[in-house]
């Protein structure tokens, strides 16, 4: 009985080329997603800082009293 020995050299070469192309496409897509995510994070952080009106992006000092509403930390736990 004669059984085939497997794929030919040309088939193996074609499969290897397709594998390389696939890996390049996946890598390119991953880079594009990472750049888009980085831009989204930067936009979100800059919008957050501008809403707060703070320059450093930190929490800053907060008073225990809230003059505008009277509902600061101390008034909550009296």
N, C-alpha and C. Protein backbone atom coordinates (compact mmCIF):
# COMPACT_ATOMS: atom_id res chain seq x y z
N UNK A 1 0.83 -1.17 0.00
CA UNK A 1 0.00 0.00 0.00
C UNK A 1 0.88 1.23 0.00
N UNK A 2 0.40 2.18 -0.72
CA UNK A 2 1.18 3.41 -0.86
C UNK A 2 0.41 4.57 -0.23
N UNK A 3 1.01 5.17 0.77
CA UNK A 3 0.37 6.30 1.44
C UNK A 3 1.10 7.59 1.06
N UNK A 4 0.37 8.70 0.93
CA UNK A 4 1.07 9.96 0.64
C UNK A 4 1.96 10.36 1.82
N UNK A 5 3.04 11.04 1.51
CA UNK A 5 4.03 11.39 2.53
C UNK A 5 3.76 12.73 3.19
N UNK A 6 2.77 13.48 2.79
CA UNK A 6 2.46 14.76 3.40
C UNK A 6 2.52 15.87 2.37
N UNK A 7 2.47 17.09 2.85
CA UNK A 7 2.47 18.22 1.91
C UNK A 7 3.81 18.35 1.20
N UNK A 8 3.71 18.88 -0.01
CA UNK A 8 4.92 19.06 -0.81
C UNK A 8 5.70 20.28 -0.32
N UNK A 9 6.88 20.47 -0.84
CA UNK A 9 7.72 21.60 -0.45
C UNK A 9 7.06 22.92 -0.84
N UNK A 10 6.39 22.96 -1.97
CA UNK A 10 5.72 24.18 -2.41
C UNK A 10 4.56 24.53 -1.48
N UNK A 11 3.84 23.51 -1.04
CA UNK A 11 2.73 23.75 -0.10
C UNK A 11 3.26 24.25 1.24
N UNK A 12 4.36 23.66 1.71
CA UNK A 12 4.96 24.12 2.97
C UNK A 12 5.42 25.56 2.87
N UNK A 13 6.02 25.91 1.73
CA UNK A 13 6.51 27.29 1.53
C UNK A 13 5.33 28.26 1.50
N UNK A 14 4.26 27.91 0.82
CA UNK A 14 3.08 28.77 0.75
C UNK A 14 2.46 28.96 2.14
N UNK A 15 2.41 27.88 2.91
CA UNK A 15 1.85 27.96 4.26
C UNK A 15 2.71 28.86 5.15
N UNK A 16 4.03 28.76 5.03
CA UNK A 16 4.93 29.59 5.82
C UNK A 16 4.76 31.07 5.46
N UNK A 17 4.61 31.37 4.18
CA UNK A 17 4.41 32.75 3.75
C UNK A 17 3.08 33.30 4.29
N UNK A 18 2.05 32.50 4.25
CA UNK A 18 0.76 32.93 4.77
C UNK A 18 0.82 33.16 6.27
N UNK A 19 1.57 32.32 6.97
CA UNK A 19 1.72 32.48 8.41
C UNK A 19 2.44 33.78 8.74
N UNK A 20 3.48 34.11 7.99
CA UNK A 20 4.22 35.36 8.21
C UNK A 20 3.33 36.56 7.93
N UNK A 21 2.57 36.52 6.84
CA UNK A 21 1.66 37.62 6.52
C UNK A 21 0.60 37.80 7.60
N UNK A 22 0.09 36.70 8.11
CA UNK A 22 -0.92 36.75 9.17
C UNK A 22 -0.35 37.37 10.44
N UNK A 23 0.86 36.97 10.80
CA UNK A 23 1.50 37.53 12.00
C UNK A 23 1.75 39.03 11.85
N UNK A 24 2.17 39.45 10.66
CA UNK A 24 2.39 40.88 10.41
C UNK A 24 1.08 41.67 10.51
N UNK A 25 0.00 41.11 9.98
CA UNK A 25 -1.29 41.77 10.05
C UNK A 25 -1.77 41.88 11.49
N UNK A 26 -1.58 40.81 12.27
CA UNK A 26 -1.99 40.85 13.68
C UNK A 26 -1.17 41.86 14.46
N UNK A 27 0.13 41.92 14.18
CA UNK A 27 1.00 42.87 14.87
C UNK A 27 0.60 44.31 14.51
N UNK A 28 0.30 44.55 13.26
CA UNK A 28 -0.10 45.88 12.83
C UNK A 28 -1.42 46.29 13.49
N UNK A 29 -2.35 45.36 13.58
CA UNK A 29 -3.63 45.66 14.22
C UNK A 29 -3.44 45.94 15.71
N UNK A 30 -2.54 45.20 16.36
CA UNK A 30 -2.27 45.43 17.78
C UNK A 30 -1.65 46.80 18.01
N UNK A 31 -0.76 47.21 17.14
CA UNK A 31 -0.13 48.53 17.26
C UNK A 31 -1.18 49.63 17.07
N UNK A 32 -2.06 49.44 16.09
CA UNK A 32 -3.11 50.44 15.85
C UNK A 32 -4.04 50.56 17.06
N UNK A 33 -4.42 49.43 17.65
CA UNK A 33 -5.28 49.46 18.84
C UNK A 33 -4.58 50.13 20.01
N UNK A 34 -3.30 49.87 20.17
CA UNK A 34 -2.55 50.46 21.28
C UNK A 34 -2.45 51.98 21.11
N UNK A 35 -2.23 52.45 19.89
CA UNK A 35 -2.16 53.89 19.65
C UNK A 35 -3.52 54.55 19.91
N UNK A 36 -4.58 53.91 19.46
CA UNK A 36 -5.92 54.47 19.68
C UNK A 36 -6.24 54.52 21.17
N UNK A 37 -5.86 53.48 21.89
CA UNK A 37 -6.11 53.44 23.33
C UNK A 37 -5.30 54.51 24.04
N UNK A 38 -4.05 54.69 23.64
CA UNK A 38 -3.20 55.72 24.24
C UNK A 38 -3.79 57.11 24.01
N UNK A 39 -4.30 57.36 22.80
CA UNK A 39 -4.92 58.65 22.50
C UNK A 39 -6.19 58.86 23.34
N UNK A 40 -6.99 57.82 23.48
CA UNK A 40 -8.21 57.92 24.28
C UNK A 40 -7.89 58.23 25.74
N UNK A 41 -6.87 57.57 26.27
CA UNK A 41 -6.49 57.81 27.66
C UNK A 41 -5.99 59.23 27.83
N UNK A 42 -5.19 59.71 26.89
CA UNK A 42 -4.68 61.07 26.97
C UNK A 42 -5.82 62.08 26.91
N UNK A 43 -6.77 61.85 26.02
CA UNK A 43 -7.93 62.75 25.92
C UNK A 43 -8.74 62.74 27.21
N UNK A 44 -8.95 61.57 27.76
CA UNK A 44 -9.73 61.47 28.99
C UNK A 44 -9.04 62.17 30.14
N UNK A 45 -7.73 62.01 30.25
CA UNK A 45 -7.00 62.65 31.34
C UNK A 45 -6.99 64.17 31.18
N UNK A 46 -6.81 64.65 29.96
CA UNK A 46 -6.78 66.10 29.78
C UNK A 46 -8.17 66.70 30.03
N UNK A 47 -9.22 65.99 29.66
CA UNK A 47 -10.58 66.48 29.92
C UNK A 47 -10.85 66.48 31.42
N UNK A 48 -10.37 65.48 32.12
CA UNK A 48 -10.57 65.39 33.56
C UNK A 48 -9.85 66.54 34.28
N UNK A 49 -8.62 66.83 33.85
CA UNK A 49 -7.88 67.93 34.47
C UNK A 49 -8.54 69.27 34.20
N UNK A 50 -9.06 69.44 33.00
CA UNK A 50 -9.68 70.73 32.69
C UNK A 50 -10.99 70.90 33.45
N UNK A 51 -11.71 69.80 33.71
CA UNK A 51 -12.94 69.90 34.50
C UNK A 51 -12.64 70.29 35.93
N UNK A 52 -11.59 69.75 36.47
CA UNK A 52 -11.25 70.03 37.85
C UNK A 52 -10.69 71.44 38.02
N UNK A 53 -10.09 71.98 36.97
CA UNK A 53 -9.50 73.29 37.07
C UNK A 53 -8.17 73.27 37.80
N UNK A 54 -7.58 72.12 37.91
CA UNK A 54 -6.29 72.00 38.58
C UNK A 54 -5.23 71.76 37.53
N UNK A 55 -4.06 72.25 37.81
CA UNK A 55 -3.00 72.12 36.84
C UNK A 55 -2.17 70.86 37.05
N UNK A 56 -2.00 70.43 38.25
CA UNK A 56 -1.11 69.31 38.53
C UNK A 56 -1.74 67.95 38.32
N UNK A 57 -3.03 67.88 38.23
CA UNK A 57 -3.69 66.60 38.04
C UNK A 57 -3.86 65.83 39.35
N UNK A 58 -3.35 66.37 40.45
CA UNK A 58 -3.47 65.69 41.73
C UNK A 58 -4.75 66.08 42.44
N UNK A 59 -4.94 65.54 43.60
CA UNK A 59 -6.15 65.83 44.37
C UNK A 59 -6.11 67.24 44.94
N UNK A 60 -4.95 67.71 45.31
CA UNK A 60 -4.86 69.04 45.89
C UNK A 60 -5.37 69.05 47.31
N UNK A 61 -5.38 70.19 47.91
CA UNK A 61 -5.88 70.30 49.28
C UNK A 61 -7.38 70.48 49.27
N UNK A 62 -8.02 69.84 50.20
CA UNK A 62 -9.46 69.97 50.31
C UNK A 62 -9.80 70.39 51.72
N UNK A 63 -10.75 71.24 51.80
CA UNK A 63 -11.17 71.73 53.10
C UNK A 63 -12.15 70.75 53.74
N UNK A 64 -12.15 70.72 55.07
CA UNK A 64 -13.12 69.90 55.77
C UNK A 64 -14.48 70.57 55.82
N UNK A 65 -14.50 71.85 55.53
CA UNK A 65 -15.76 72.60 55.48
C UNK A 65 -16.10 72.87 54.03
N UNK A 66 -17.37 72.86 53.73
CA UNK A 66 -17.82 73.24 52.40
C UNK A 66 -18.69 74.47 52.56
N UNK A 67 -18.17 75.61 52.13
CA UNK A 67 -18.87 76.87 52.35
C UNK A 67 -20.12 76.98 51.48
N UNK A 68 -20.10 76.42 50.30
CA UNK A 68 -21.22 76.62 49.39
C UNK A 68 -22.45 75.79 49.78
N UNK A 69 -22.26 74.56 50.22
CA UNK A 69 -23.41 73.71 50.49
C UNK A 69 -23.57 73.38 51.97
N UNK A 70 -22.52 73.61 52.74
CA UNK A 70 -22.59 73.27 54.15
C UNK A 70 -22.57 71.79 54.40
N UNK A 71 -22.13 71.03 53.44
CA UNK A 71 -22.12 69.57 53.60
C UNK A 71 -20.71 69.02 53.47
N UNK A 72 -19.77 69.65 54.14
CA UNK A 72 -18.40 69.16 54.12
C UNK A 72 -18.24 67.95 55.01
N UNK A 73 -17.03 67.52 55.17
CA UNK A 73 -16.73 66.34 55.97
C UNK A 73 -17.20 66.49 57.40
N UNK A 74 -16.94 67.63 58.02
CA UNK A 74 -17.27 67.82 59.42
C UNK A 74 -18.78 67.85 59.65
N UNK A 75 -19.55 68.41 58.74
CA UNK A 75 -20.98 68.47 58.94
C UNK A 75 -21.64 67.11 58.77
N UNK A 76 -21.01 66.23 58.03
CA UNK A 76 -21.56 64.88 57.83
C UNK A 76 -21.42 64.03 59.07
N UNK A 77 -20.37 64.23 59.84
CA UNK A 77 -20.07 63.34 60.96
C UNK A 77 -20.15 64.05 62.30
N UNK A 78 -21.03 64.99 62.47
CA UNK A 78 -21.21 65.67 63.74
C UNK A 78 -22.03 64.86 64.67
